[in-house]
Amino acid sequence: MTLVPGLQSLEARQGLAEALRETFECWALHEKTQAELLGLANVTALQRGEPLPADRSVLERTGHVLAIERSLKKLFPGQPERRAHWLSTPNPRLGGLAPLTIMLGGVKGMKSVQSLTETQEEL
C-alpha cells in the first residue's frame, strides 16, 4: 500500500481530502470521474470539505492519485493545464490509451501510470 497506517487519523484524512480536491480541480475532472477514481459512489462529502473516509481502498487510491500529480508537477512545473492535458491524451507507452483511462481501471492502472510518471524525465 502507498499510504502508512497513520493516515487513518481524522487530521490526516482531512489534509488528503484538501490535496485531492486541488488535484481534481487542476485536472478538471467531472465528479463522476472523481468518484470512480476513488472507488466511491459519489464525492459529495469530499466536495463539501469533509475528510476522506477511513477506508483502506480509498486511501490507497488517493495515494496513487497524489503521487501521480506530484510527479506531473515535477515534469510540468507551473503548467496545470499541461498536466490535465497529459492525463487525457492517448499515450503510446500505455498502449495508445489515455493515462486517465488506465487509472479508471483501478489500483493496478493507477500503479502503471504512477510508475510511468515517476520514471520518465519527459512524457
PDB file of N, CA and C in Angstrom:
ATOM      1  N   MET A   1       0.845  -1.183   0.000  1.00  0.00           N
ATOM      2  CA  MET A   1       0.000   0.000   0.000  1.00  0.00           C
ATOM      3  C   MET A   1       0.885   1.239   0.000  1.00  0.00           C
ATOM      4  N   THR A   2       0.431   2.272  -0.667  1.00  0.00           N
ATOM      5  CA  THR A   2       1.181   3.513  -0.797  1.00  0.00           C
ATOM      6  C   THR A   2       1.189   4.308   0.508  1.00  0.00           C
ATOM      7  N   LEU A   3       0.127   4.222   1.280  1.00  0.00           N
ATOM      8  CA  LEU A   3      -0.017   5.066   2.456  1.00  0.00           C
ATOM      9  C   LEU A   3       0.262   4.305   3.744  1.00  0.00           C
ATOM     10  N   VAL A   4       0.783   5.010   4.726  1.00  0.00           N
ATOM     11  CA  VAL A   4       1.073   4.394   6.017  1.00  0.00           C
ATOM     12  C   VAL A   4      -0.182   4.380   6.886  1.00  0.00           C
ATOM     13  N   PRO A   5      -0.259   3.460   7.861  1.00  0.00           N
ATOM     14  CA  PRO A   5      -1.449   3.361   8.697  1.00  0.00           C
ATOM     15  C   PRO A   5      -1.802   4.651   9.440  1.00  0.00           C
ATOM     16  N   GLY A   6      -0.837   5.517   9.737  1.00  0.00           N
ATOM     17  CA  GLY A   6      -1.105   6.762  10.433  1.00  0.00           C
ATOM     18  C   GLY A   6      -2.060   7.678   9.690  1.00  0.00           C
ATOM     19  N   LEU A   7      -2.294   7.401   8.428  1.00  0.00           N
ATOM     20  CA  LEU A   7      -3.191   8.242   7.647  1.00  0.00           C
ATOM     21  C   LEU A   7      -4.660   7.920   7.913  1.00  0.00           C
ATOM     22  N   GLN A   8      -4.908   7.071   8.883  1.00  0.00           N
ATOM     23  CA  GLN A   8      -6.283   6.798   9.283  1.00  0.00           C
ATOM     24  C   GLN A   8      -6.825   7.916  10.177  1.00  0.00           C
ATOM     25  N   SER A   9      -5.945   8.777  10.721  1.00  0.00           N
ATOM     26  CA  SER A   9      -6.398   9.839  11.620  1.00  0.00           C
ATOM     27  C   SER A   9      -7.261  10.846  10.864  1.00  0.00           C
ATOM     28  N   LEU A  10      -8.170  11.477  11.594  1.00  0.00           N
ATOM     29  CA  LEU A  10      -9.069  12.466  11.003  1.00  0.00           C
ATOM     30  C   LEU A  10      -8.298  13.625  10.375  1.00  0.00           C
ATOM     31  N   GLU A  11      -7.271  14.096  11.072  1.00  0.00           N
ATOM     32  CA  GLU A  11      -6.477  15.224  10.559  1.00  0.00           C
ATOM     33  C   GLU A  11      -5.771  14.862   9.259  1.00  0.00           C
ATOM     34  N   ALA A  12      -5.204  13.682   9.224  1.00  0.00           N
ATOM     35  CA  ALA A  12      -4.503  13.251   8.012  1.00  0.00           C
ATOM     36  C   ALA A  12      -5.481  13.095   6.851  1.00  0.00           C
ATOM     37  N   ARG A  13      -6.634  12.505   7.121  1.00  0.00           N
ATOM     38  CA  ARG A  13      -7.633  12.322   6.061  1.00  0.00           C
ATOM     39  C   ARG A  13      -8.184  13.656   5.583  1.00  0.00           C
ATOM     40  N   GLN A  14      -8.242  14.659   6.466  1.00  0.00           N
ATOM     41  CA  GLN A  14      -8.677  15.998   6.069  1.00  0.00           C
ATOM     42  C   GLN A  14      -7.644  16.633   5.132  1.00  0.00           C
ATOM     43  N   GLY A  15      -6.373  16.491   5.486  1.00  0.00           N
ATOM     44  CA  GLY A  15      -5.311  17.026   4.642  1.00  0.00           C
ATOM     45  C   GLY A  15      -5.282  16.369   3.272  1.00  0.00           C
ATOM     46  N   LEU A  16      -5.472  15.055   3.251  1.00  0.00           N
ATOM     47  CA  LEU A  16      -5.517  14.341   1.975  1.00  0.00           C
ATOM     48  C   LEU A  16      -6.703  14.807   1.136  1.00  0.00           C
ATOM     49  N   ALA A  17      -7.833  15.021   1.782  1.00  0.00           N
ATOM     50  CA  ALA A  17      -9.023  15.472   1.055  1.00  0.00           C
ATOM     51  C   ALA A  17      -8.776  16.827   0.406  1.00  0.00           C
ATOM     52  N   GLU A  18      -8.124  17.726   1.123  1.00  0.00           N
ATOM     53  CA  GLU A  18      -7.830  19.051   0.571  1.00  0.00           C
ATOM     54  C   GLU A  18      -6.896  18.943  -0.634  1.00  0.00           C
ATOM     55  N   ALA A  19      -5.856  18.135  -0.500  1.00  0.00           N
ATOM     56  CA  ALA A  19      -4.918  17.946  -1.616  1.00  0.00           C
ATOM     57  C   ALA A  19      -5.619  17.303  -2.809  1.00  0.00           C
ATOM     58  N   LEU A  20      -6.498  16.372  -2.527  1.00  0.00           N
ATOM     59  CA  LEU A  20      -7.229  15.684  -3.586  1.00  0.00           C
ATOM     60  C   LEU A  20      -8.177  16.635  -4.310  1.00  0.00           C
ATOM     61  N   ARG A  21      -8.883  17.489  -3.568  1.00  0.00           N
ATOM     62  CA  ARG A  21      -9.771  18.474  -4.200  1.00  0.00           C
ATOM     63  C   ARG A  21      -8.981  19.392  -5.130  1.00  0.00           C
ATOM     64  N   GLU A  22      -7.811  19.842  -4.678  1.00  0.00           N
ATOM     65  CA  GLU A  22      -6.969  20.705  -5.516  1.00  0.00           C
ATOM     66  C   GLU A  22      -6.522  19.976  -6.781  1.00  0.00           C
ATOM     67  N   THR A  23      -6.141  18.714  -6.620  1.00  0.00           N
ATOM     68  CA  THR A  23      -5.698  17.919  -7.771  1.00  0.00           C
ATOM     69  C   THR A  23      -6.837  17.734  -8.761  1.00  0.00           C
ATOM     70  N   PHE A  24      -8.004  17.347  -8.265  1.00  0.00           N
ATOM     71  CA  PHE A  24      -9.145  17.139  -9.161  1.00  0.00           C
ATOM     72  C   PHE A  24      -9.551  18.438  -9.851  1.00  0.00           C
ATOM     73  N   GLU A  25      -9.426  19.555  -9.149  1.00  0.00           N
ATOM     74  CA  GLU A  25      -9.734  20.845  -9.764  1.00  0.00           C
ATOM     75  C   GLU A  25      -8.733  21.142 -10.882  1.00  0.00           C
ATOM     76  N   CYS A  26      -7.464  20.916 -10.608  1.00  0.00           N
ATOM     77  CA  CYS A  26      -6.418  21.126 -11.614  1.00  0.00           C
ATOM     78  C   CYS A  26      -6.662  20.242 -12.839  1.00  0.00           C
ATOM     79  N   TRP A  27      -7.043  19.011 -12.590  1.00  0.00           N
ATOM     80  CA  TRP A  27      -7.266  18.065 -13.673  1.00  0.00           C
ATOM     81  C   TRP A  27      -8.611  18.280 -14.366  1.00  0.00           C
ATOM     82  N   ALA A  28      -9.457  19.133 -13.795  1.00  0.00           N
ATOM     83  CA  ALA A  28     -10.783  19.442 -14.355  1.00  0.00           C
ATOM     84  C   ALA A  28     -11.625  18.179 -14.564  1.00  0.00           C
ATOM     85  N   LEU A  29     -11.663  17.333 -13.528  1.00  0.00           N
ATOM     86  CA  LEU A  29     -12.408  16.082 -13.625  1.00  0.00           C
ATOM     87  C   LEU A  29     -13.845  16.248 -13.152  1.00  0.00           C
ATOM     88  N   HIS A  30     -14.754  15.645 -13.883  1.00  0.00           N
ATOM     89  CA  HIS A  30     -16.160  15.606 -13.504  1.00  0.00           C
ATOM     90  C   HIS A  30     -16.288  14.802 -12.201  1.00  0.00           C
ATOM     91  N   GLU A  31     -17.280  15.125 -11.399  1.00  0.00           N
ATOM     92  CA  GLU A  31     -17.461  14.446 -10.108  1.00  0.00           C
ATOM     93  C   GLU A  31     -17.624  12.935 -10.268  1.00  0.00           C
ATOM     94  N   LYS A  32     -18.272  12.505 -11.320  1.00  0.00           N
ATOM     95  CA  LYS A  32     -18.444  11.062 -11.557  1.00  0.00           C
ATOM     96  C   LYS A  32     -17.081  10.397 -11.757  1.00  0.00           C
ATOM     97  N   THR A  33     -16.199  11.044 -12.491  1.00  0.00           N
ATOM     98  CA  THR A  33     -14.856  10.514 -12.727  1.00  0.00           C
ATOM     99  C   THR A  33     -14.059  10.510 -11.432  1.00  0.00           C
ATOM    100  N   GLN A  34     -14.200  11.559 -10.635  1.00  0.00           N
ATOM    101  CA  GLN A  34     -13.520  11.617  -9.341  1.00  0.00           C
ATOM    102  C   GLN A  34     -13.947  10.433  -8.475  1.00  0.00           C
ATOM    103  N   ALA A  35     -15.249  10.202  -8.403  1.00  0.00           N
ATOM    104  CA  ALA A  35     -15.770   9.106  -7.589  1.00  0.00           C
ATOM    105  C   ALA A  35     -15.256   7.761  -8.087  1.00  0.00           C
ATOM    106  N   GLU A  36     -15.235   7.589  -9.402  1.00  0.00           N
ATOM    107  CA  GLU A  36     -14.759   6.333  -9.979  1.00  0.00           C
ATOM    108  C   GLU A  36     -13.285   6.101  -9.645  1.00  0.00           C
ATOM    109  N   LEU A  37     -12.476   7.150  -9.723  1.00  0.00           N
ATOM    110  CA  LEU A  37     -11.065   7.017  -9.376  1.00  0.00           C
ATOM    111  C   LEU A  37     -10.886   6.572  -7.927  1.00  0.00           C
ATOM    112  N   LEU A  38     -11.729   7.087  -7.045  1.00  0.00           N
ATOM    113  CA  LEU A  38     -11.602   6.780  -5.617  1.00  0.00           C
ATOM    114  C   LEU A  38     -12.348   5.521  -5.206  1.00  0.00           C
ATOM    115  N   GLY A  39     -13.137   4.968  -6.101  1.00  0.00           N
ATOM    116  CA  GLY A  39     -13.916   3.791  -5.752  1.00  0.00           C
ATOM    117  C   GLY A  39     -15.091   4.118  -4.843  1.00  0.00           C
ATOM    118  N   LEU A  40     -15.640   5.316  -4.999  1.00  0.00           N
ATOM    119  CA  LEU A  40     -16.763   5.770  -4.184  1.00  0.00           C
ATOM    120  C   LEU A  40     -18.022   5.902  -5.042  1.00  0.00           C
ATOM    121  N   ALA A  41     -19.185   5.869  -4.395  1.00  0.00           N
ATOM    122  CA  ALA A  41     -20.440   6.070  -5.114  1.00  0.00           C
ATOM    123  C   ALA A  41     -20.562   7.517  -5.586  1.00  0.00           C
ATOM    124  N   ASN A  42     -20.051   8.455  -4.772  1.00  0.00           N
ATOM    125  CA  ASN A  42     -20.073   9.871  -5.136  1.00  0.00           C
ATOM    126  C   ASN A  42     -19.020  10.602  -4.307  1.00  0.00           C
ATOM    127  N   VAL A  43     -18.772  11.844  -4.664  1.00  0.00           N
ATOM    128  CA  VAL A  43     -17.772  12.649  -3.948  1.00  0.00           C
ATOM    129  C   VAL A  43     -18.415  13.857  -3.276  1.00  0.00           C
ATOM    130  N   THR A  44     -19.692  13.734  -2.959  1.00  0.00           N
ATOM    131  CA  THR A  44     -20.414  14.840  -2.328  1.00  0.00           C
ATOM    132  C   THR A  44     -19.731  15.286  -1.039  1.00  0.00           C
ATOM    133  N   ALA A  45     -19.389  14.328  -0.178  1.00  0.00           N
ATOM    134  CA  ALA A  45     -18.740  14.668   1.098  1.00  0.00           C
ATOM    135  C   ALA A  45     -17.393  15.345   0.855  1.00  0.00           C
ATOM    136  N   LEU A  46     -16.638  14.847  -0.105  1.00  0.00           N
ATOM    137  CA  LEU A  46     -15.340  15.437  -0.441  1.00  0.00           C
ATOM    138  C   LEU A  46     -15.533  16.877  -0.909  1.00  0.00           C
ATOM    139  N   GLN A  47     -16.510  17.098  -1.770  1.00  0.00           N
ATOM    140  CA  GLN A  47     -16.765  18.438  -2.294  1.00  0.00           C
ATOM    141  C   GLN A  47     -17.261  19.406  -1.221  1.00  0.00           C
ATOM    142  N   ARG A  48     -17.879  18.872  -0.180  1.00  0.00           N
ATOM    143  CA  ARG A  48     -18.338  19.708   0.938  1.00  0.00           C
ATOM    144  C   ARG A  48     -17.206  20.045   1.899  1.00  0.00           C
ATOM    145  N   GLY A  49     -16.013  19.489   1.677  1.00  0.00           N
ATOM    146  CA  GLY A  49     -14.883  19.794   2.534  1.00  0.00           C
ATOM    147  C   GLY A  49     -14.674  18.809   3.669  1.00  0.00           C
ATOM    148  N   GLU A  50     -15.378  17.691   3.621  1.00  0.00           N
ATOM    149  CA  GLU A  50     -15.225  16.680   4.667  1.00  0.00           C
ATOM    150  C   GLU A  50     -13.964  15.853   4.433  1.00  0.00           C
ATOM    151  N   PRO A  51     -13.429  15.243   5.497  1.00  0.00           N
ATOM    152  CA  PRO A  51     -12.261  14.379   5.332  1.00  0.00           C
ATOM    153  C   PRO A  51     -12.621  13.121   4.537  1.00  0.00           C
ATOM    154  N   LEU A  52     -11.608  12.502   3.987  1.00  0.00           N
ATOM    155  CA  LEU A  52     -11.832  11.231   3.296  1.00  0.00           C
ATOM    156  C   LEU A  52     -12.294  10.181   4.294  1.00  0.00           C
ATOM    157  N   PRO A  53     -13.036   9.187   3.818  1.00  0.00           N
ATOM    158  CA  PRO A  53     -13.425   8.113   4.735  1.00  0.00           C
ATOM    159  C   PRO A  53     -12.200   7.299   5.145  1.00  0.00           C
ATOM    160  N   ALA A  54     -12.272   6.690   6.316  1.00  0.00           N
ATOM    161  CA  ALA A  54     -11.163   5.862   6.814  1.00  0.00           C
ATOM    162  C   ALA A  54     -11.248   4.479   6.173  1.00  0.00           C
ATOM    163  N   ASP A  55     -11.157   4.455   4.876  1.00  0.00           N
ATOM    164  CA  ASP A  55     -11.283   3.225   4.094  1.00  0.00           C
ATOM    165  C   ASP A  55      -9.952   2.967   3.396  1.00  0.00           C
ATOM    166  N   ARG A  56      -9.392   1.807   3.623  1.00  0.00           N
ATOM    167  CA  ARG A  56      -8.063   1.470   3.091  1.00  0.00           C
ATOM    168  C   ARG A  56      -7.988   1.647   1.573  1.00  0.00           C
ATOM    169  N   SER A  57      -9.011   1.190   0.868  1.00  0.00           N
ATOM    170  CA  SER A  57      -9.004   1.280  -0.592  1.00  0.00           C
ATOM    171  C   SER A  57      -9.022   2.736  -1.063  1.00  0.00           C
ATOM    172  N   VAL A  58      -9.873   3.550  -0.444  1.00  0.00           N
ATOM    173  CA  VAL A  58      -9.950   4.966  -0.821  1.00  0.00           C
ATOM    174  C   VAL A  58      -8.618   5.654  -0.539  1.00  0.00           C
ATOM    175  N   LEU A  59      -8.020   5.356   0.609  1.00  0.00           N
ATOM    176  CA  LEU A  59      -6.739   5.975   0.956  1.00  0.00           C
ATOM    177  C   LEU A  59      -5.623   5.520   0.022  1.00  0.00           C
ATOM    178  N   GLU A  60      -5.659   4.253  -0.371  1.00  0.00           N
ATOM    179  CA  GLU A  60      -4.649   3.767  -1.312  1.00  0.00           C
ATOM    180  C   GLU A  60      -4.798   4.458  -2.663  1.00  0.00           C
ATOM    181  N   ARG A  61      -6.010   4.541  -3.161  1.00  0.00           N
ATOM    182  CA  ARG A  61      -6.261   5.201  -4.442  1.00  0.00           C
ATOM    183  C   ARG A  61      -5.858   6.677  -4.374  1.00  0.00           C
ATOM    184  N   THR A  62      -6.171   7.318  -3.251  1.00  0.00           N
ATOM    185  CA  THR A  62      -5.789   8.712  -3.048  1.00  0.00           C
ATOM    186  C   THR A  62      -4.281   8.865  -3.126  1.00  0.00           C
ATOM    187  N   GLY A  63      -3.572   7.956  -2.484  1.00  0.00           N
ATOM    188  CA  GLY A  63      -2.111   8.000  -2.509  1.00  0.00           C
ATOM    189  C   GLY A  63      -1.556   7.933  -3.921  1.00  0.00           C
ATOM    190  N   HIS A  64      -2.133   7.076  -4.737  1.00  0.00           N
ATOM    191  CA  HIS A  64      -1.667   6.965  -6.125  1.00  0.00           C
ATOM    192  C   HIS A  64      -1.982   8.226  -6.923  1.00  0.00           C
ATOM    193  N   VAL A  65      -3.195   8.755  -6.755  1.00  0.00           N
ATOM    194  CA  VAL A  65      -3.573   9.984  -7.469  1.00  0.00           C
ATOM    195  C   VAL A  65      -2.620  11.116  -7.098  1.00  0.00           C
ATOM    196  N   LEU A  66      -2.368  11.277  -5.800  1.00  0.00           N
ATOM    197  CA  LEU A  66      -1.498  12.374  -5.361  1.00  0.00           C
ATOM    198  C   LEU A  66      -0.046  12.154  -5.790  1.00  0.00           C
ATOM    199  N   ALA A  67       0.396  10.908  -5.827  1.00  0.00           N
ATOM    200  CA  ALA A  67       1.757  10.624  -6.297  1.00  0.00           C
ATOM    201  C   ALA A  67       1.892  10.941  -7.784  1.00  0.00           C
ATOM    202  N   ILE A  68       0.856  10.638  -8.553  1.00  0.00           N
ATOM    203  CA  ILE A  68       0.867  10.960  -9.986  1.00  0.00           C
ATOM    204  C   ILE A  68       0.926  12.472 -10.168  1.00  0.00           C
ATOM    205  N   GLU A  69       0.107  13.200  -9.419  1.00  0.00           N
ATOM    206  CA  GLU A  69       0.112  14.663  -9.530  1.00  0.00           C
ATOM    207  C   GLU A  69       1.466  15.230  -9.108  1.00  0.00           C
ATOM    208  N   ARG A  70       2.055  14.686  -8.068  1.00  0.00           N
ATOM    209  CA  ARG A  70       3.378  15.164  -7.619  1.00  0.00           C
ATOM    210  C   ARG A  70       4.414  14.979  -8.732  1.00  0.00           C
ATOM    211  N   SER A  71       4.398  13.830  -9.378  1.00  0.00           N
ATOM    212  CA  SER A  71       5.337  13.585 -10.481  1.00  0.00           C
ATOM    213  C   SER A  71       5.063  14.502 -11.658  1.00  0.00           C
ATOM    214  N   LEU A  72       3.792  14.702 -11.970  1.00  0.00           N
ATOM    215  CA  LEU A  72       3.453  15.590 -13.082  1.00  0.00           C
ATOM    216  C   LEU A  72       3.864  17.028 -12.797  1.00  0.00           C
ATOM    217  N   LYS A  73       3.768  17.447 -11.535  1.00  0.00           N
ATOM    218  CA  LYS A  73       4.208  18.800 -11.178  1.00  0.00           C
ATOM    219  C   LYS A  73       5.707  18.961 -11.405  1.00  0.00           C
ATOM    220  N   LYS A  74       6.468  17.907 -11.174  1.00  0.00           N
ATOM    221  CA  LYS A  74       7.912  17.959 -11.413  1.00  0.00           C
ATOM    222  C   LYS A  74       8.206  18.017 -12.906  1.00  0.00           C
ATOM    223  N   LEU A  75       7.403  17.285 -13.680  1.00  0.00           N
ATOM    224  CA  LEU A  75       7.618  17.250 -15.127  1.00  0.00           C
ATOM    225  C   LEU A  75       7.088  18.493 -15.833  1.00  0.00           C
ATOM    226  N   PHE A  76       5.987  19.049 -15.324  1.00  0.00           N
ATOM    227  CA  PHE A  76       5.346  20.218 -15.927  1.00  0.00           C
ATOM    228  C   PHE A  76       5.127  21.287 -14.857  1.00  0.00           C
ATOM    229  N   PRO A  77       6.202  21.829 -14.288  1.00  0.00           N
ATOM    230  CA  PRO A  77       6.039  22.811 -13.204  1.00  0.00           C
ATOM    231  C   PRO A  77       5.325  24.074 -13.684  1.00  0.00           C
ATOM    232  N   GLY A  78       4.372  24.515 -12.872  1.00  0.00           N
ATOM    233  CA  GLY A  78       3.655  25.741 -13.198  1.00  0.00           C
ATOM    234  C   GLY A  78       2.761  25.636 -14.418  1.00  0.00           C
ATOM    235  N   GLN A  79       2.447  24.411 -14.839  1.00  0.00           N
ATOM    236  CA  GLN A  79       1.637  24.200 -16.036  1.00  0.00           C
ATOM    237  C   GLN A  79       0.468  23.254 -15.753  1.00  0.00           C
ATOM    238  N   PRO A  80      -0.474  23.672 -14.924  1.00  0.00           N
ATOM    239  CA  PRO A  80      -1.579  22.765 -14.580  1.00  0.00           C
ATOM    240  C   PRO A  80      -2.385  22.310 -15.795  1.00  0.00           C
ATOM    241  N   GLU A  81      -2.534  23.187 -16.785  1.00  0.00           N
ATOM    242  CA  GLU A  81      -3.286  22.794 -17.973  1.00  0.00           C
ATOM    243  C   GLU A  81      -2.561  21.703 -18.753  1.00  0.00           C
ATOM    244  N   ARG A  82      -1.248  21.732 -18.743  1.00  0.00           N
ATOM    245  CA  ARG A  82      -0.480  20.697 -19.436  1.00  0.00           C
ATOM    246  C   ARG A  82      -0.593  19.359 -18.708  1.00  0.00           C
ATOM    247  N   ARG A  83      -0.624  19.405 -17.371  1.00  0.00           N
ATOM    248  CA  ARG A  83      -0.797  18.167 -16.595  1.00  0.00           C
ATOM    249  C   ARG A  83      -2.165  17.550 -16.915  1.00  0.00           C
ATOM    250  N   ALA A  84      -3.200  18.374 -16.927  1.00  0.00           N
ATOM    251  CA  ALA A  84      -4.549  17.885 -17.239  1.00  0.00           C
ATOM    252  C   ALA A  84      -4.604  17.329 -18.667  1.00  0.00           C
ATOM    253  N   HIS A  85      -3.967  18.024 -19.590  1.00  0.00           N
ATOM    254  CA  HIS A  85      -3.950  17.571 -20.982  1.00  0.00           C
ATOM    255  C   HIS A  85      -3.228  16.228 -21.107  1.00  0.00           C
ATOM    256  N   TRP A  86      -2.110  16.074 -20.411  1.00  0.00           N
ATOM    257  CA  TRP A  86      -1.352  14.820 -20.469  1.00  0.00           C
ATOM    258  C   TRP A  86      -2.221  13.646 -20.034  1.00  0.00           C
ATOM    259  N   LEU A  87      -3.020  13.846 -19.000  1.00  0.00           N
ATOM    260  CA  LEU A  87      -3.865  12.768 -18.483  1.00  0.00           C
ATOM    261  C   LEU A  87      -4.914  12.308 -19.480  1.00  0.00           C
ATOM    262  N   SER A  88      -5.367  13.195 -20.338  1.00  0.00           N
ATOM    263  CA  SER A  88      -6.459  12.848 -21.254  1.00  0.00           C
ATOM    264  C   SER A  88      -6.000  12.557 -22.679  1.00  0.00           C
ATOM    265  N   THR A  89      -4.700  12.581 -22.901  1.00  0.00           N
ATOM    266  CA  THR A  89      -4.163  12.366 -24.238  1.00  0.00           C
ATOM    267  C   THR A  89      -3.661  10.931 -24.406  1.00  0.00           C
ATOM    268  N   PRO A  90      -4.062  10.251 -25.483  1.00  0.00           N
ATOM    269  CA  PRO A  90      -3.550   8.893 -25.709  1.00  0.00           C
ATOM    270  C   PRO A  90      -2.024   8.864 -25.658  1.00  0.00           C
ATOM    271  N   ASN A  91      -1.509   7.827 -25.000  1.00  0.00           N
ATOM    272  CA  ASN A  91      -0.068   7.726 -24.780  1.00  0.00           C
ATOM    273  C   ASN A  91       0.442   6.395 -25.322  1.00  0.00           C
ATOM    274  N   PRO A  92       1.417   6.427 -26.236  1.00  0.00           N
ATOM    275  CA  PRO A  92       1.929   5.175 -26.805  1.00  0.00           C
ATOM    276  C   PRO A  92       2.532   4.239 -25.754  1.00  0.00           C
ATOM    277  N   ARG A  93       3.040   4.801 -24.653  1.00  0.00           N
ATOM    278  CA  ARG A  93       3.623   3.969 -23.595  1.00  0.00           C
ATOM    279  C   ARG A  93       2.555   3.236 -22.783  1.00  0.00           C
ATOM    280  N   LEU A  94       1.299   3.607 -23.028  1.00  0.00           N
ATOM    281  CA  LEU A  94       0.179   2.964 -22.334  1.00  0.00           C
ATOM    282  C   LEU A  94      -0.740   2.272 -23.343  1.00  0.00           C
ATOM    283  N   GLY A  95      -0.139   1.755 -24.390  1.00  0.00           N
ATOM    284  CA  GLY A  95      -0.912   1.041 -25.400  1.00  0.00           C
ATOM    285  C   GLY A  95      -1.840   1.932 -26.200  1.00  0.00           C
ATOM    286  N   GLY A  96      -1.508   3.226 -26.267  1.00  0.00           N
ATOM    287  CA  GLY A  96      -2.330   4.154 -27.024  1.00  0.00           C
ATOM    288  C   GLY A  96      -3.536   4.670 -26.255  1.00  0.00           C
ATOM    289  N   LEU A  97      -3.652   4.295 -24.993  1.00  0.00           N
ATOM    290  CA  LEU A  97      -4.763   4.775 -24.172  1.00  0.00           C
ATOM    291  C   LEU A  97      -4.341   6.002 -23.380  1.00  0.00           C
ATOM    292  N   ALA A  98      -5.304   6.810 -23.001  1.00  0.00           N
ATOM    293  CA  ALA A  98      -5.026   7.973 -22.170  1.00  0.00           C
ATOM    294  C   ALA A  98      -4.723   7.500 -20.739  1.00  0.00           C
ATOM    295  N   PRO A  99      -3.788   8.151 -20.059  1.00  0.00           N
ATOM    296  CA  PRO A  99      -3.482   7.771 -18.681  1.00  0.00           C
ATOM    297  C   PRO A  99      -4.720   7.721 -17.784  1.00  0.00           C
ATOM    298  N   LEU A 100      -5.637   8.677 -17.947  1.00  0.00           N
ATOM    299  CA  LEU A 100      -6.840   8.674 -17.118  1.00  0.00           C
ATOM    300  C   LEU A 100      -7.667   7.415 -17.355  1.00  0.00           C
ATOM    301  N   THR A 101      -7.754   6.972 -18.592  1.00  0.00           N
ATOM    302  CA  THR A 101      -8.478   5.739 -18.907  1.00  0.00           C
ATOM    303  C   THR A 101      -7.854   4.557 -18.168  1.00  0.00           C
ATOM    304  N   ILE A 102      -6.533   4.492 -18.165  1.00  0.00           N
ATOM    305  CA  ILE A 102      -5.824   3.419 -17.458  1.00  0.00           C
ATOM    306  C   ILE A 102      -6.101   3.517 -15.960  1.00  0.00           C
ATOM    307  N   MET A 103      -6.056   4.725 -15.412  1.00  0.00           N
ATOM    308  CA  MET A 103      -6.282   4.937 -13.985  1.00  0.00           C
ATOM    309  C   MET A 103      -7.688   4.517 -13.569  1.00  0.00           C
ATOM    310  N   LEU A 104      -8.657   4.719 -14.442  1.00  0.00           N
ATOM    311  CA  LEU A 104     -10.032   4.354 -14.130  1.00  0.00           C
ATOM    312  C   LEU A 104     -10.226   2.842 -14.066  1.00  0.00           C
ATOM    313  N   GLY A 105      -9.215   2.094 -14.485  1.00  0.00           N
ATOM    314  CA  GLY A 105      -9.256   0.642 -14.390  1.00  0.00           C
ATOM    315  C   GLY A 105      -8.990   0.126 -12.994  1.00  0.00           C
ATOM    316  N   GLY A 106      -8.681   1.009 -12.063  1.00  0.00           N
ATOM    317  CA  GLY A 106      -8.452   0.587 -10.680  1.00  0.00           C
ATOM    318  C   GLY A 106      -7.016   0.779 -10.238  1.00  0.00           C
ATOM    319  N   VAL A 107      -6.707   0.195  -9.098  1.00  0.00           N
ATOM    320  CA  VAL A 107      -5.397   0.385  -8.472  1.00  0.00           C
ATOM    321  C   VAL A 107      -4.264  -0.083  -9.390  1.00  0.00           C
ATOM    322  N   LYS A 108      -4.462  -1.186 -10.078  1.00  0.00           N
ATOM    323  CA  LYS A 108      -3.420  -1.683 -10.982  1.00  0.00           C
ATOM    324  C   LYS A 108      -3.096  -0.644 -12.062  1.00  0.00           C
ATOM    325  N   GLY A 109      -4.124  -0.028 -12.627  1.00  0.00           N
ATOM    326  CA  GLY A 109      -3.917   1.009 -13.633  1.00  0.00           C
ATOM    327  C   GLY A 109      -3.262   2.246 -13.052  1.00  0.00           C
ATOM    328  N   MET A 110      -3.669   2.603 -11.846  1.00  0.00           N
ATOM    329  CA  MET A 110      -3.064   3.757 -11.187  1.00  0.00           C
ATOM    330  C   MET A 110      -1.579   3.522 -10.946  1.00  0.00           C
ATOM    331  N   LYS A 111      -1.248   2.305 -10.533  1.00  0.00           N
ATOM    332  CA  LYS A 111       0.168   1.973 -10.307  1.00  0.00           C
ATOM    333  C   LYS A 111       0.961   2.064 -11.606  1.00  0.00           C
ATOM    334  N   SER A 112       0.363   1.640 -12.708  1.00  0.00           N
ATOM    335  CA  SER A 112       1.039   1.714 -14.010  1.00  0.00           C
ATOM    336  C   SER A 112       1.321   3.159 -14.401  1.00  0.00           C
ATOM    337  N   VAL A 113       0.329   4.019 -14.241  1.00  0.00           N
ATOM    338  CA  VAL A 113       0.508   5.424 -14.588  1.00  0.00           C
ATOM    339  C   VAL A 113       1.492   6.076 -13.621  1.00  0.00           C
ATOM    340  N   GLN A 114       1.393   5.751 -12.363  1.00  0.00           N
ATOM    341  CA  GLN A 114       2.330   6.304 -11.377  1.00  0.00           C
ATOM    342  C   GLN A 114       3.759   5.898 -11.716  1.00  0.00           C
ATOM    343  N   SER A 115       3.956   4.650 -12.050  1.00  0.00           N
ATOM    344  CA  SER A 115       5.287   4.176 -12.418  1.00  0.00           C
ATOM    345  C   SER A 115       5.814   4.929 -13.636  1.00  0.00           C
ATOM    346  N   LEU A 116       4.959   5.118 -14.623  1.00  0.00           N
ATOM    347  CA  LEU A 116       5.358   5.853 -15.826  1.00  0.00           C
ATOM    348  C   LEU A 116       5.769   7.276 -15.480  1.00  0.00           C
ATOM    349  N   THR A 117       4.971   7.958 -14.668  1.00  0.00           N
ATOM    350  CA  THR A 117       5.284   9.355 -14.351  1.00  0.00           C
ATOM    351  C   THR A 117       6.529   9.482 -13.490  1.00  0.00           C
ATOM    352  N   GLU A 118       6.793   8.491 -12.668  1.00  0.00           N
ATOM    353  CA  GLU A 118       7.950   8.554 -11.779  1.00  0.00           C
ATOM    354  C   GLU A 118       9.257   8.172 -12.466  1.00  0.00           C
ATOM    355  N   THR A 119       9.177   7.474 -13.574  1.00  0.00           N
ATOM    356  CA  THR A 119      10.406   7.011 -14.232  1.00  0.00           C
ATOM    357  C   THR A 119      10.755   7.784 -15.500  1.00  0.00           C
ATOM    358  N   GLN A 120       9.897   8.699 -15.890  1.00  0.00           N
ATOM    359  CA  GLN A 120      10.144   9.437 -17.119  1.00  0.00           C
ATOM    360  C   GLN A 120      10.639  10.849 -16.814  1.00  0.00           C
ATOM    361  N   GLU A 121      11.659  11.261 -17.515  1.00  0.00           N
ATOM    362  CA  GLU A 121      12.127  12.632 -17.384  1.00  0.00           C
ATOM    363  C   GLU A 121      11.275  13.565 -18.224  1.00  0.00           C
ATOM    364  N   GLU A 122      10.732  13.029 -19.299  1.00  0.00           N
ATOM    365  CA  GLU A 122       9.831  13.813 -20.130  1.00  0.00           C
ATOM    366  C   GLU A 122       8.770  12.880 -20.685  1.00  0.00           C
ATOM    367  N   LEU A 123       7.537  13.290 -20.555  1.00  0.00           N
ATOM    368  CA  LEU A 123       6.434  12.476 -21.035  1.00  0.00           C
ATOM    369  C   LEU A 123       5.965  13.032 -22.353  1.00  0.00           C
TER     370      LEU A 123
END
